[in-house]
Amino acid sequence: MGAMTTVKVLLIVTSHSQFGSTGERTGFWLEELAAPYEQFAQAGAQVDIASPQGGAAPVDPRSEKESSEATRAFLADTQATKKLAHTLTLAEVKDTYDAYFVVGGHGVMWDLSKQAPLHTLLSTGYSRGAVVAAVCHGPAALVGVKGADGKPLVAGKRVAAFSNAEEKAAKFDAIVPFPLETRLRELGAKYESGPLWQSFVVRDARLVTGQNPASSAETAREVLKVLREK
């Protein structure tokens, strides 16, 4: 695959904005959308953004406070912010993307983990040769995805995701509907993690996963590497 201009990437964000029963707001994590968007756009890929409900997707307020070069660039990019304000509805997304990238943020734990249209999209996409990627809590979207053999897609594969230790350190372990690392292990994934809050990315064939917000850009770069090999 030469020029990336023919490559289409779908970034998937949560539509869920309630942080359990805390009364606080959550959503997707801005860095985890902004950094991959920047990597893919700079590589010349066509990038779309989709969510379960379509339209404007909720950003986790805490992630807006953590400004970075990537988040500032994203917010200054009128095309990018327009796509975020008008996300595509997942159930209506046609299966034509070269890569699917699930953005993290705690909201994912509530909606994308149970989102049947997304699970079908990722399952058929992976089966036909697309790259499936997720970062931080994004891998929660993979818990309902089956491989061509009918087994969980993550079964027997090396996978990274937000660790139980990080969830505990952030004091959110009692709020989330399930511990992500534990659930992935239960599904037969070979879960791996690096130090808390440090970039850690794992690739197993066409499945690319990152551990936390710091892993966002690196996860996207790894996806581009896979696409270039095809």
C-alpha atoms as a PDB file:
ATOM      1  CA  MET A   1       0.000   0.000   0.000  1.00  0.00           C
ATOM      2  CA  GLY A   2       1.770   3.131  -1.165  1.00  0.00           C
ATOM      3  CA  ALA A   3       0.098   6.493  -0.630  1.00  0.00           C
ATOM      4  CA  MET A   4      -2.178   6.616   2.358  1.00  0.00           C
ATOM      5  CA  THR A   5      -4.624   8.826   0.453  1.00  0.00           C
ATOM      6  CA  THR A   6      -6.731   5.802  -0.479  1.00  0.00           C
ATOM      7  CA  VAL A   7      -6.869   4.616   3.125  1.00  0.00           C
ATOM      8  CA  LYS A   8     -10.018   5.122   5.180  1.00  0.00           C
ATOM      9  CA  VAL A   9      -9.942   5.049   8.973  1.00  0.00           C
ATOM     10  CA  LEU A  10     -12.973   5.118  11.263  1.00  0.00           C
ATOM     11  CA  LEU A  11     -12.466   6.537  14.755  1.00  0.00           C
ATOM     12  CA  ILE A  12     -15.172   5.300  17.124  1.00  0.00           C
ATOM     13  CA  VAL A  13     -16.210   7.266  20.215  1.00  0.00           C
ATOM     14  CA  THR A  14     -18.715   6.695  23.013  1.00  0.00           C
ATOM     15  CA  SER A  15     -22.113   8.420  23.275  1.00  0.00           C
ATOM     16  CA  HIS A  16     -22.314   7.724  27.031  1.00  0.00           C
ATOM     17  CA  SER A  17     -21.813  10.748  29.297  1.00  0.00           C
ATOM     18  CA  GLN A  18     -22.855   9.571  32.777  1.00  0.00           C
ATOM     19  CA  PHE A  19     -20.055   8.377  35.054  1.00  0.00           C
ATOM     20  CA  GLY A  20     -21.894   5.515  36.762  1.00  0.00           C
ATOM     21  CA  SER A  21     -24.144   6.878  39.491  1.00  0.00           C
ATOM     22  CA  THR A  22     -21.617   9.486  40.658  1.00  0.00           C
ATOM     23  CA  GLY A  23     -23.517  12.370  39.067  1.00  0.00           C
ATOM     24  CA  GLU A  24     -20.275  13.286  37.283  1.00  0.00           C
ATOM     25  CA  ARG A  25     -19.856  13.410  33.540  1.00  0.00           C
ATOM     26  CA  THR A  26     -17.649  11.205  31.411  1.00  0.00           C
ATOM     27  CA  GLY A  27     -17.389  10.433  27.698  1.00  0.00           C
ATOM     28  CA  PHE A  28     -14.414   9.878  25.421  1.00  0.00           C
ATOM     29  CA  TRP A  29     -10.891  11.001  26.353  1.00  0.00           C
ATOM     30  CA  LEU A  30      -9.814  13.918  24.168  1.00  0.00           C
ATOM     31  CA  GLU A  31      -6.136  12.944  23.793  1.00  0.00           C
ATOM     32  CA  GLU A  32      -7.202   9.477  22.638  1.00  0.00           C
ATOM     33  CA  LEU A  33      -9.199  11.009  19.791  1.00  0.00           C
ATOM     34  CA  ALA A  34      -6.912  13.936  18.972  1.00  0.00           C
ATOM     35  CA  ALA A  35      -3.558  12.124  18.810  1.00  0.00           C
ATOM     36  CA  PRO A  36      -4.738   9.300  16.497  1.00  0.00           C
ATOM     37  CA  TYR A  37      -6.701  11.748  14.347  1.00  0.00           C
ATOM     38  CA  GLU A  38      -3.534  13.792  13.886  1.00  0.00           C
ATOM     39  CA  GLN A  39      -1.412  10.710  13.048  1.00  0.00           C
ATOM     40  CA  PHE A  40      -3.896   9.391  10.479  1.00  0.00           C
ATOM     41  CA  ALA A  41      -4.611  12.805   8.907  1.00  0.00           C
ATOM     42  CA  GLN A  42      -0.897  13.600   8.594  1.00  0.00           C
ATOM     43  CA  ALA A  43      -0.407  10.251   6.847  1.00  0.00           C
ATOM     44  CA  GLY A  44      -3.005  11.331   4.293  1.00  0.00           C
ATOM     45  CA  ALA A  45      -5.758   8.947   5.356  1.00  0.00           C
ATOM     46  CA  GLN A  46      -9.447   9.834   5.167  1.00  0.00           C
ATOM     47  CA  VAL A  47     -10.664   9.932   8.763  1.00  0.00           C
ATOM     48  CA  ASP A  48     -14.295   9.688   9.862  1.00  0.00           C
ATOM     49  CA  ILE A  49     -15.715   9.681  13.391  1.00  0.00           C
ATOM     50  CA  ALA A  50     -18.690   7.561  14.474  1.00  0.00           C
ATOM     51  CA  SER A  51     -20.629   6.967  17.696  1.00  0.00           C
ATOM     52  CA  PRO A  52     -23.640   4.861  18.749  1.00  0.00           C
ATOM     53  CA  GLN A  53     -26.058   7.784  18.739  1.00  0.00           C
ATOM     54  CA  GLY A  54     -24.408   9.903  16.041  1.00  0.00           C
ATOM     55  CA  GLY A  55     -24.244  13.703  16.270  1.00  0.00           C
ATOM     56  CA  ALA A  56     -22.213  15.458  18.944  1.00  0.00           C
ATOM     57  CA  ALA A  57     -20.258  13.036  21.141  1.00  0.00           C
ATOM     58  CA  PRO A  58     -19.563  13.776  24.835  1.00  0.00           C
ATOM     59  CA  VAL A  59     -15.985  14.568  25.800  1.00  0.00           C
ATOM     60  CA  ASP A  60     -14.866  13.719  29.339  1.00  0.00           C
ATOM     61  CA  PRO A  61     -14.504  17.135  31.070  1.00  0.00           C
ATOM     62  CA  ARG A  62     -11.357  15.955  32.882  1.00  0.00           C
ATOM     63  CA  SER A  63      -9.671  15.236  29.549  1.00  0.00           C
ATOM     64  CA  GLU A  64     -10.316  18.789  28.355  1.00  0.00           C
ATOM     65  CA  LYS A  65      -8.203  20.059  31.263  1.00  0.00           C
ATOM     66  CA  GLU A  66      -5.217  17.999  30.085  1.00  0.00           C
ATOM     67  CA  SER A  67      -4.100  20.056  27.125  1.00  0.00           C
ATOM     68  CA  SER A  68      -1.441  18.655  24.793  1.00  0.00           C
ATOM     69  CA  GLU A  69      -0.027  19.513  21.394  1.00  0.00           C
ATOM     70  CA  ALA A  70      -2.379  16.976  19.825  1.00  0.00           C
ATOM     71  CA  THR A  71      -5.521  18.217  21.591  1.00  0.00           C
ATOM     72  CA  ARG A  72      -4.732  21.850  20.757  1.00  0.00           C
ATOM     73  CA  ALA A  73      -4.145  20.952  17.107  1.00  0.00           C
ATOM     74  CA  PHE A  74      -7.395  18.974  16.971  1.00  0.00           C
ATOM     75  CA  LEU A  75      -9.480  21.753  18.525  1.00  0.00           C
ATOM     76  CA  ALA A  76      -7.938  24.272  16.116  1.00  0.00           C
ATOM     77  CA  ASP A  77      -8.781  22.081  13.104  1.00  0.00           C
ATOM     78  CA  THR A  78     -12.241  23.143  11.904  1.00  0.00           C
ATOM     79  CA  GLN A  79     -12.683  20.013   9.780  1.00  0.00           C
ATOM     80  CA  ALA A  80     -11.872  17.776  12.754  1.00  0.00           C
ATOM     81  CA  THR A  81     -14.184  19.584  15.190  1.00  0.00           C
ATOM     82  CA  LYS A  82     -16.967  19.535  12.593  1.00  0.00           C
ATOM     83  CA  LYS A  83     -16.644  15.749  12.290  1.00  0.00           C
ATOM     84  CA  LEU A  84     -16.828  15.471  16.079  1.00  0.00           C
ATOM     85  CA  ALA A  85     -19.931  17.674  16.218  1.00  0.00           C
ATOM     86  CA  HIS A  86     -21.614  15.520  13.559  1.00  0.00           C
ATOM     87  CA  THR A  87     -20.406  11.974  14.217  1.00  0.00           C
ATOM     88  CA  LEU A  88     -21.770   9.236  11.983  1.00  0.00           C
ATOM     89  CA  THR A  89     -24.272   6.808  13.536  1.00  0.00           C
ATOM     90  CA  LEU A  90     -22.574   3.432  14.032  1.00  0.00           C
ATOM     91  CA  ALA A  91     -25.568   1.359  12.911  1.00  0.00           C
ATOM     92  CA  GLU A  92     -25.535   3.195   9.571  1.00  0.00           C
ATOM     93  CA  VAL A  93     -21.799   2.890   8.926  1.00  0.00           C
ATOM     94  CA  LYS A  94     -20.993   0.917   5.797  1.00  0.00           C
ATOM     95  CA  ASP A  95     -18.237  -1.641   6.221  1.00  0.00           C
ATOM     96  CA  THR A  96     -15.638  -0.085   3.923  1.00  0.00           C
ATOM     97  CA  TYR A  97     -12.860   1.075   6.229  1.00  0.00           C
ATOM     98  CA  ASP A  98      -9.257  -0.131   6.183  1.00  0.00           C
ATOM     99  CA  ALA A  99      -8.914   0.418   9.925  1.00  0.00           C
ATOM    100  CA  TYR A 100     -11.224   0.829  12.900  1.00  0.00           C
ATOM    101  CA  PHE A 101      -9.876   2.639  15.951  1.00  0.00           C
ATOM    102  CA  VAL A 102     -11.866   2.650  19.188  1.00  0.00           C
ATOM    103  CA  VAL A 103     -11.103   5.763  21.246  1.00  0.00           C
ATOM    104  CA  GLY A 104     -11.067   5.296  25.011  1.00  0.00           C
ATOM    105  CA  GLY A 105     -12.656   7.213  27.853  1.00  0.00           C
ATOM    106  CA  HIS A 106     -14.783   5.697  30.610  1.00  0.00           C
ATOM    107  CA  GLY A 107     -18.018   6.107  28.633  1.00  0.00           C
ATOM    108  CA  VAL A 108     -16.967   3.173  26.437  1.00  0.00           C
ATOM    109  CA  MET A 109     -17.387   0.818  29.395  1.00  0.00           C
ATOM    110  CA  TRP A 110     -21.134   1.484  29.464  1.00  0.00           C
ATOM    111  CA  ASP A 111     -22.153   1.678  25.819  1.00  0.00           C
ATOM    112  CA  LEU A 112     -19.536   0.314  23.386  1.00  0.00           C
ATOM    113  CA  SER A 113     -19.081  -2.842  25.458  1.00  0.00           C
ATOM    114  CA  LYS A 114     -22.720  -3.715  24.640  1.00  0.00           C
ATOM    115  CA  GLN A 115     -23.026  -2.109  21.188  1.00  0.00           C
ATOM    116  CA  ALA A 116     -24.132  -4.921  18.825  1.00  0.00           C
ATOM    117  CA  PRO A 117     -23.831  -2.891  15.570  1.00  0.00           C
ATOM    118  CA  LEU A 118     -20.236  -2.028  16.515  1.00  0.00           C
ATOM    119  CA  HIS A 119     -19.384  -5.617  17.407  1.00  0.00           C
ATOM    120  CA  THR A 120     -20.696  -6.753  14.013  1.00  0.00           C
ATOM    121  CA  LEU A 121     -18.774  -3.981  12.256  1.00  0.00           C
ATOM    122  CA  LEU A 122     -15.488  -4.907  13.943  1.00  0.00           C
ATOM    123  CA  SER A 123     -16.074  -8.624  13.494  1.00  0.00           C
ATOM    124  CA  THR A 124     -16.800  -8.421   9.749  1.00  0.00           C
ATOM    125  CA  GLY A 125     -14.088  -5.794   9.293  1.00  0.00           C
ATOM    126  CA  TYR A 126     -11.424  -7.966  10.913  1.00  0.00           C
ATOM    127  CA  SER A 127     -12.582 -11.046   8.992  1.00  0.00           C
ATOM    128  CA  ARG A 128     -12.134  -9.305   5.649  1.00  0.00           C
ATOM    129  CA  GLY A 129      -8.656  -8.001   6.507  1.00  0.00           C
ATOM    130  CA  ALA A 130      -9.155  -4.618   8.153  1.00  0.00           C
ATOM    131  CA  VAL A 131      -7.067  -3.478  11.118  1.00  0.00           C
ATOM    132  CA  VAL A 132      -8.913  -3.273  14.443  1.00  0.00           C
ATOM    133  CA  ALA A 133      -7.382  -1.013  17.097  1.00  0.00           C
ATOM    134  CA  ALA A 134      -8.361   0.351  20.497  1.00  0.00           C
ATOM    135  CA  VAL A 135      -6.716   2.372  23.239  1.00  0.00           C
ATOM    136  CA  CYS A 136      -7.166   2.632  27.032  1.00  0.00           C
ATOM    137  CA  HIS A 137     -10.838   1.780  27.768  1.00  0.00           C
ATOM    138  CA  GLY A 138     -11.428   1.369  24.020  1.00  0.00           C
ATOM    139  CA  PRO A 139     -10.731  -2.384  24.209  1.00  0.00           C
ATOM    140  CA  ALA A 140     -14.000  -2.657  26.208  1.00  0.00           C
ATOM    141  CA  ALA A 141     -15.606  -2.478  22.745  1.00  0.00           C
ATOM    142  CA  LEU A 142     -13.850  -5.752  21.901  1.00  0.00           C
ATOM    143  CA  VAL A 143     -15.531  -7.809  24.628  1.00  0.00           C
ATOM    144  CA  GLY A 144     -18.512  -8.573  22.384  1.00  0.00           C
ATOM    145  CA  VAL A 145     -16.559  -9.061  19.154  1.00  0.00           C
ATOM    146  CA  LYS A 146     -16.304 -12.562  17.726  1.00  0.00           C
ATOM    147  CA  GLY A 147     -13.673 -13.880  15.356  1.00  0.00           C
ATOM    148  CA  ALA A 148     -14.529 -15.831  12.178  1.00  0.00           C
ATOM    149  CA  ASP A 149     -14.380 -19.018  14.283  1.00  0.00           C
ATOM    150  CA  GLY A 150     -17.140 -17.781  16.594  1.00  0.00           C
ATOM    151  CA  LYS A 151     -14.773 -17.416  19.542  1.00  0.00           C
ATOM    152  CA  PRO A 152     -14.021 -14.009  21.127  1.00  0.00           C
ATOM    153  CA  LEU A 153     -11.747 -12.024  18.793  1.00  0.00           C
ATOM    154  CA  VAL A 154      -9.301 -11.404  21.648  1.00  0.00           C
ATOM    155  CA  ALA A 155      -9.031 -15.109  22.572  1.00  0.00           C
ATOM    156  CA  GLY A 156      -5.420 -16.233  22.306  1.00  0.00           C
ATOM    157  CA  LYS A 157      -4.288 -12.784  21.175  1.00  0.00           C
ATOM    158  CA  ARG A 158      -1.895 -10.384  22.899  1.00  0.00           C
ATOM    159  CA  VAL A 159      -3.901  -7.405  24.090  1.00  0.00           C
ATOM    160  CA  ALA A 160      -3.195  -4.224  26.071  1.00  0.00           C
ATOM    161  CA  ALA A 161      -5.832  -2.049  27.777  1.00  0.00           C
ATOM    162  CA  PHE A 162      -6.278   0.193  30.812  1.00  0.00           C
ATOM    163  CA  SER A 163      -4.961  -1.929  33.664  1.00  0.00           C
ATOM    164  CA  ASN A 164      -6.697  -2.836  36.913  1.00  0.00           C
ATOM    165  CA  ALA A 165      -3.775  -1.144  38.686  1.00  0.00           C
ATOM    166  CA  GLU A 166      -4.425   2.116  36.805  1.00  0.00           C
ATOM    167  CA  GLU A 167      -8.170   1.913  37.500  1.00  0.00           C
ATOM    168  CA  LYS A 168      -7.388   1.474  41.182  1.00  0.00           C
ATOM    169  CA  ALA A 169      -4.808   4.274  41.198  1.00  0.00           C
ATOM    170  CA  ALA A 170      -7.404   6.600  39.641  1.00  0.00           C
ATOM    171  CA  LYS A 171      -9.896   5.427  42.312  1.00  0.00           C
ATOM    172  CA  PHE A 172     -12.456   4.481  39.672  1.00  0.00           C
ATOM    173  CA  ASP A 173     -12.358   0.716  40.249  1.00  0.00           C
ATOM    174  CA  ALA A 174     -15.605   0.819  42.266  1.00  0.00           C
ATOM    175  CA  ILE A 175     -17.434   2.911  39.636  1.00  0.00           C
ATOM    176  CA  VAL A 176     -16.769   1.046  36.383  1.00  0.00           C
ATOM    177  CA  PRO A 177     -19.314  -1.663  35.443  1.00  0.00           C
ATOM    178  CA  PHE A 178     -16.545  -4.280  35.188  1.00  0.00           C
ATOM    179  CA  PRO A 179     -12.728  -4.437  35.462  1.00  0.00           C
ATOM    180  CA  LEU A 180     -11.526  -4.316  31.853  1.00  0.00           C
ATOM    181  CA  GLU A 181      -8.251  -6.202  32.318  1.00  0.00           C
ATOM    182  CA  THR A 182     -10.075  -8.999  34.151  1.00  0.00           C
ATOM    183  CA  ARG A 183     -12.795  -9.279  31.497  1.00  0.00           C
ATOM    184  CA  LEU A 184     -10.245  -9.502  28.676  1.00  0.00           C
ATOM    185  CA  ARG A 185      -8.369 -12.237  30.534  1.00  0.00           C
ATOM    186  CA  GLU A 186     -11.652 -14.118  31.077  1.00  0.00           C
ATOM    187  CA  LEU A 187     -12.266 -14.006  27.312  1.00  0.00           C
ATOM    188  CA  GLY A 188      -8.918 -15.718  26.759  1.00  0.00           C
ATOM    189  CA  ALA A 189      -6.830 -12.681  25.826  1.00  0.00           C
ATOM    190  CA  LYS A 190      -3.115 -12.731  26.610  1.00  0.00           C
ATOM    191  CA  TYR A 191      -3.273  -9.457  28.519  1.00  0.00           C
ATOM    192  CA  GLU A 192      -0.054  -7.411  28.742  1.00  0.00           C
ATOM    193  CA  SER A 193       0.730  -4.093  30.394  1.00  0.00           C
ATOM    194  CA  GLY A 194       3.610  -1.719  30.959  1.00  0.00           C
ATOM    195  CA  PRO A 195       4.252   0.746  33.811  1.00  0.00           C
ATOM    196  CA  LEU A 196       1.319   2.880  35.008  1.00  0.00           C
ATOM    197  CA  TRP A 197       0.524   5.865  32.754  1.00  0.00           C
ATOM    198  CA  GLN A 198       3.392   5.102  30.331  1.00  0.00           C
ATOM    199  CA  SER A 199       2.935   4.403  26.627  1.00  0.00           C
ATOM    200  CA  PHE A 200       2.523   0.673  26.002  1.00  0.00           C
ATOM    201  CA  VAL A 201       1.260  -0.781  22.731  1.00  0.00           C
ATOM    202  CA  VAL A 202       0.741  -4.377  21.652  1.00  0.00           C
ATOM    203  CA  ARG A 203       0.212  -5.689  18.149  1.00  0.00           C
ATOM    204  CA  ASP A 204      -1.053  -9.177  17.364  1.00  0.00           C
ATOM    205  CA  ALA A 205      -1.503  -9.583  13.592  1.00  0.00           C
ATOM    206  CA  ARG A 206      -4.134  -6.963  12.696  1.00  0.00           C
ATOM    207  CA  LEU A 207      -5.229  -6.272  16.274  1.00  0.00           C
ATOM    208  CA  VAL A 208      -3.486  -3.240  17.789  1.00  0.00           C
ATOM    209  CA  THR A 209      -4.149  -2.113  21.354  1.00  0.00           C
ATOM    210  CA  GLY A 210      -2.752   0.547  23.692  1.00  0.00           C
ATOM    211  CA  GLN A 211      -2.846   0.730  27.472  1.00  0.00           C
ATOM    212  CA  ASN A 212      -3.710   4.322  28.389  1.00  0.00           C
ATOM    213  CA  PRO A 213      -3.951   7.943  27.139  1.00  0.00           C
ATOM    214  CA  ALA A 214      -0.151   8.136  26.798  1.00  0.00           C
ATOM    215  CA  SER A 215      -0.330   5.253  24.296  1.00  0.00           C
ATOM    216  CA  SER A 216      -2.706   7.036  21.881  1.00  0.00           C
ATOM    217  CA  ALA A 217      -0.263   8.334  19.259  1.00  0.00           C
ATOM    218  CA  GLU A 218       1.869   5.181  19.354  1.00  0.00           C
ATOM    219  CA  THR A 219      -1.195   2.954  18.844  1.00  0.00           C
ATOM    220  CA  ALA A 220      -2.127   4.987  15.755  1.00  0.00           C
ATOM    221  CA  ARG A 221       1.454   4.795  14.424  1.00  0.00           C
ATOM    222  CA  GLU A 222       1.369   1.021  14.830  1.00  0.00           C
ATOM    223  CA  VAL A 223      -1.921   0.887  12.864  1.00  0.00           C
ATOM    224  CA  LEU A 224      -0.282   2.879  10.047  1.00  0.00           C
ATOM    225  CA  LYS A 225       2.621   0.438  10.083  1.00  0.00           C
ATOM    226  CA  VAL A 226       0.217  -2.496   9.632  1.00  0.00           C
ATOM    227  CA  LEU A 227      -1.589  -0.669   6.811  1.00  0.00           C
ATOM    228  CA  ARG A 228       1.690   0.031   5.025  1.00  0.00           C
ATOM    229  CA  GLU A 229       2.616  -3.664   5.172  1.00  0.00           C
ATOM    230  CA  LYS A 230      -0.578  -4.695   3.409  1.00  0.00           C
END
